[in-house]
Amino acid sequence: MWLSTTWRRFRSKTRADSGYVPPGYLLEKAGGESYEEFVQENIFGPLGMKDSGYDSNSAIVPRRATGYAPGKDGPLNAGFVHMTIPFAAGGLYSTTEDLLRWERGLFGGKLLSEASLARMTTPFKNDYASGVSVHTLSGHNVRPQSSTALSHSDLCFPGWRQACGTGGGP
């Protein structure tokens, strides 16, 4: 009960990625294992996500892509970030195949009950729900399985107008 009440108070006041750090530490303290162990045992393992994990700057991760940042004359190599800094707010890596496994598991009832999924995807502050933004498409306010777009970030990249809700396409 304490965790649930504390998280509700916390989530109602934040919308930044850094808001995922305290729940990550709460998971570690309450569960007696590291965040890395928790996501491996409770998410990646059960969903068969073999190409996902908690990132490490020193580990060799086969086929790891490098990041890019926008530059004046085009993309540049992204700056170094030690992966212990983002922690539960962005310290994971994955592949598109594993992200599809994640989506199927999340919306297929393998991770959350139907009631918990509904609660997670119901906005409580404008378009913000529990850790995701919920946007309607084509003016329809519907459940995520049809035309509601869920996103974790409000980032929109040049050339991806459709994904950002401004029409057009890449």
Protein backbone atom coordinates (compact mmCIF):
# COMPACT_ATOMS: atom_id res chain seq x y z
CA MET A 1 0.00 0.00 0.00
CA TRP A 2 2.80 2.43 0.89
CA LEU A 3 4.54 1.86 -2.45
CA SER A 4 1.30 2.37 -4.38
CA THR A 5 0.43 5.59 -2.52
CA THR A 6 3.96 6.97 -2.77
CA TRP A 7 4.14 6.23 -6.51
CA ARG A 8 0.76 7.91 -7.15
CA ARG A 9 1.94 11.06 -5.38
CA PHE A 10 5.28 10.95 -7.19
CA ARG A 11 3.90 10.37 -10.70
CA SER A 12 1.37 13.19 -10.38
CA LYS A 13 4.20 15.70 -9.98
CA THR A 14 6.66 14.61 -12.64
CA ARG A 15 6.78 14.01 -16.36
CA ALA A 16 10.51 13.83 -16.96
CA ASP A 17 12.52 10.70 -17.72
CA SER A 18 14.37 11.19 -14.44
CA GLY A 19 11.07 10.34 -12.78
CA TYR A 20 11.84 6.67 -13.41
CA VAL A 21 14.92 6.69 -11.16
CA PRO A 22 13.10 6.62 -7.76
CA PRO A 23 10.81 3.71 -8.76
CA GLY A 24 13.91 1.82 -9.94
CA TYR A 25 15.49 2.25 -6.52
CA LEU A 26 12.22 1.29 -4.82
CA LEU A 27 12.18 -1.93 -6.88
CA GLU A 28 15.71 -2.71 -5.70
CA LYS A 29 14.95 -2.02 -2.04
CA ALA A 30 11.58 -3.81 -1.99
CA GLY A 31 12.72 -6.79 -4.05
CA GLY A 32 16.20 -7.27 -2.65
CA GLU A 33 17.76 -7.53 -6.11
CA SER A 34 19.27 -5.12 -8.60
CA TYR A 35 17.15 -3.33 -11.18
CA GLU A 36 19.10 -5.21 -13.86
CA GLU A 37 18.20 -8.57 -12.28
CA PHE A 38 14.56 -7.53 -11.88
CA VAL A 39 14.01 -6.56 -15.52
CA GLN A 40 15.85 -9.67 -16.73
CA GLU A 41 13.87 -12.08 -14.52
CA ASN A 42 10.45 -10.41 -14.75
CA ILE A 43 10.34 -8.87 -18.22
CA PHE A 44 13.08 -9.88 -20.66
CA GLY A 45 13.25 -13.56 -19.69
CA PRO A 46 9.51 -14.35 -19.64
CA LEU A 47 8.94 -12.47 -22.92
CA GLY A 48 11.88 -14.13 -24.70
CA MET A 49 13.67 -10.80 -25.17
CA LYS A 50 17.16 -12.23 -25.76
CA ASP A 51 18.60 -9.07 -27.35
CA SER A 52 17.64 -6.65 -24.56
CA GLY A 53 19.28 -5.80 -21.28
CA TYR A 54 20.64 -3.27 -18.86
CA ASP A 55 23.34 -1.43 -20.79
CA SER A 56 26.98 -1.35 -19.80
CA ASN A 57 29.76 0.83 -21.16
CA SER A 58 32.33 -1.93 -20.65
CA ALA A 59 30.43 -5.05 -21.77
CA ILE A 60 30.70 -6.24 -25.36
CA VAL A 61 27.14 -6.19 -26.72
CA PRO A 62 26.98 -7.91 -30.11
CA ARG A 63 25.61 -5.69 -32.89
CA ARG A 64 25.32 -2.66 -30.57
CA ALA A 65 24.54 0.51 -32.52
CA THR A 66 26.11 3.83 -31.68
CA GLY A 67 24.02 6.90 -30.99
CA TYR A 68 23.84 10.15 -32.88
CA ALA A 69 23.00 13.71 -31.99
CA PRO A 70 21.87 16.53 -34.27
CA GLY A 71 24.66 18.79 -35.46
CA LYS A 72 24.78 22.02 -37.44
CA ASP A 73 25.74 20.16 -40.64
CA GLY A 74 24.00 16.85 -39.91
CA PRO A 75 24.26 14.04 -37.37
CA LEU A 76 27.25 13.74 -35.03
CA ASN A 77 28.33 10.93 -32.75
CA ALA A 78 26.42 11.23 -29.49
CA GLY A 79 28.34 12.31 -26.40
CA PHE A 80 29.45 9.75 -23.83
CA VAL A 81 27.01 8.93 -21.04
CA HIS A 82 28.01 6.40 -18.41
CA MET A 83 25.08 3.99 -18.34
CA THR A 84 24.84 4.00 -14.55
CA ILE A 85 23.59 7.59 -14.77
CA PRO A 86 20.25 6.98 -16.55
CA PHE A 87 19.59 3.82 -14.48
CA ALA A 88 15.82 3.07 -14.63
CA ALA A 89 15.28 6.22 -16.69
CA GLY A 90 17.02 4.96 -19.81
CA GLY A 91 19.74 2.44 -19.07
CA LEU A 92 18.29 -0.33 -21.24
CA TYR A 93 19.08 -1.46 -24.77
CA SER A 94 16.94 -3.49 -27.14
CA THR A 95 16.26 -4.43 -30.75
CA THR A 96 13.18 -3.86 -32.87
CA GLU A 97 12.37 -7.57 -32.69
CA ASP A 98 12.50 -7.52 -28.90
CA LEU A 99 10.44 -4.34 -28.77
CA LEU A 100 7.76 -6.18 -30.73
CA ARG A 101 7.94 -8.99 -28.14
CA TRP A 102 7.57 -6.30 -25.44
CA GLU A 103 4.51 -4.79 -27.10
CA ARG A 104 2.86 -8.18 -27.61
CA GLY A 105 3.59 -9.18 -24.03
CA LEU A 106 2.37 -5.89 -22.57
CA PHE A 107 -0.87 -5.75 -24.56
CA GLY A 108 -1.30 -9.54 -24.58
CA GLY A 109 -1.65 -9.91 -20.81
CA LYS A 110 1.74 -11.50 -20.13
CA LEU A 111 3.00 -8.67 -17.91
CA LEU A 112 -0.04 -6.85 -16.54
CA SER A 113 -3.63 -7.70 -15.81
CA GLU A 114 -6.25 -6.07 -18.02
CA ALA A 115 -7.18 -3.75 -15.13
CA SER A 116 -3.55 -2.70 -14.56
CA LEU A 117 -3.02 -2.07 -18.28
CA ALA A 118 -6.18 0.06 -18.41
CA ARG A 119 -4.98 2.05 -15.40
CA MET A 120 -1.50 2.47 -16.92
CA THR A 121 -2.90 3.80 -20.22
CA THR A 122 -5.62 6.07 -18.82
CA PRO A 123 -4.47 9.70 -18.81
CA PHE A 124 -4.74 11.48 -15.47
CA LYS A 125 -3.01 14.75 -16.42
CA ASN A 126 -3.82 16.03 -19.91
CA ASP A 127 -2.44 13.32 -22.24
CA TYR A 128 -0.15 11.77 -19.62
CA ALA A 129 -0.87 8.39 -18.06
CA SER A 130 1.42 6.26 -15.87
CA GLY A 131 4.73 6.64 -17.66
CA VAL A 132 3.32 7.04 -21.16
CA SER A 133 1.73 9.80 -23.19
CA VAL A 134 -1.60 8.83 -24.73
CA HIS A 135 -2.57 10.51 -27.99
CA THR A 136 -5.70 9.95 -30.02
CA LEU A 137 -5.47 9.60 -33.77
CA SER A 138 -8.02 10.84 -36.29
CA GLY A 139 -10.01 12.44 -33.50
CA HIS A 140 -10.99 9.13 -31.92
CA ASN A 141 -10.52 8.57 -28.22
CA VAL A 142 -10.08 4.81 -28.20
CA ARG A 143 -8.11 2.09 -26.39
CA PRO A 144 -4.43 1.51 -27.29
CA GLN A 145 -5.19 -1.62 -29.31
CA SER A 146 -6.72 0.42 -32.13
CA SER A 147 -5.86 4.03 -32.91
CA THR A 148 -4.38 5.49 -29.72
CA ALA A 149 -0.65 6.10 -29.93
CA LEU A 150 1.37 5.54 -26.77
CA SER A 151 4.76 7.13 -26.42
CA HIS A 152 7.29 7.51 -23.68
CA SER A 153 8.72 10.79 -24.88
CA ASP A 154 7.48 13.85 -26.70
CA LEU A 155 10.53 13.85 -28.97
CA CYS A 156 9.85 14.38 -32.65
CA PHE A 157 12.60 14.06 -35.20
CA PRO A 158 12.79 15.87 -38.55
CA GLY A 159 11.40 13.68 -41.32
CA TRP A 160 9.10 11.72 -39.00
CA ARG A 161 6.05 13.95 -39.22
CA GLN A 162 3.59 11.04 -39.23
CA ALA A 163 4.96 9.62 -35.99
CA CYS A 164 4.76 13.04 -34.40
CA GLY A 165 1.16 13.59 -35.41
CA THR A 166 1.80 16.38 -37.90
CA GLY A 167 0.93 14.46 -41.05
CA GLY A 168 3.07 13.33 -43.90
CA GLY A 169 5.68 10.62 -43.42
CA PRO A 170 9.38 10.00 -43.25
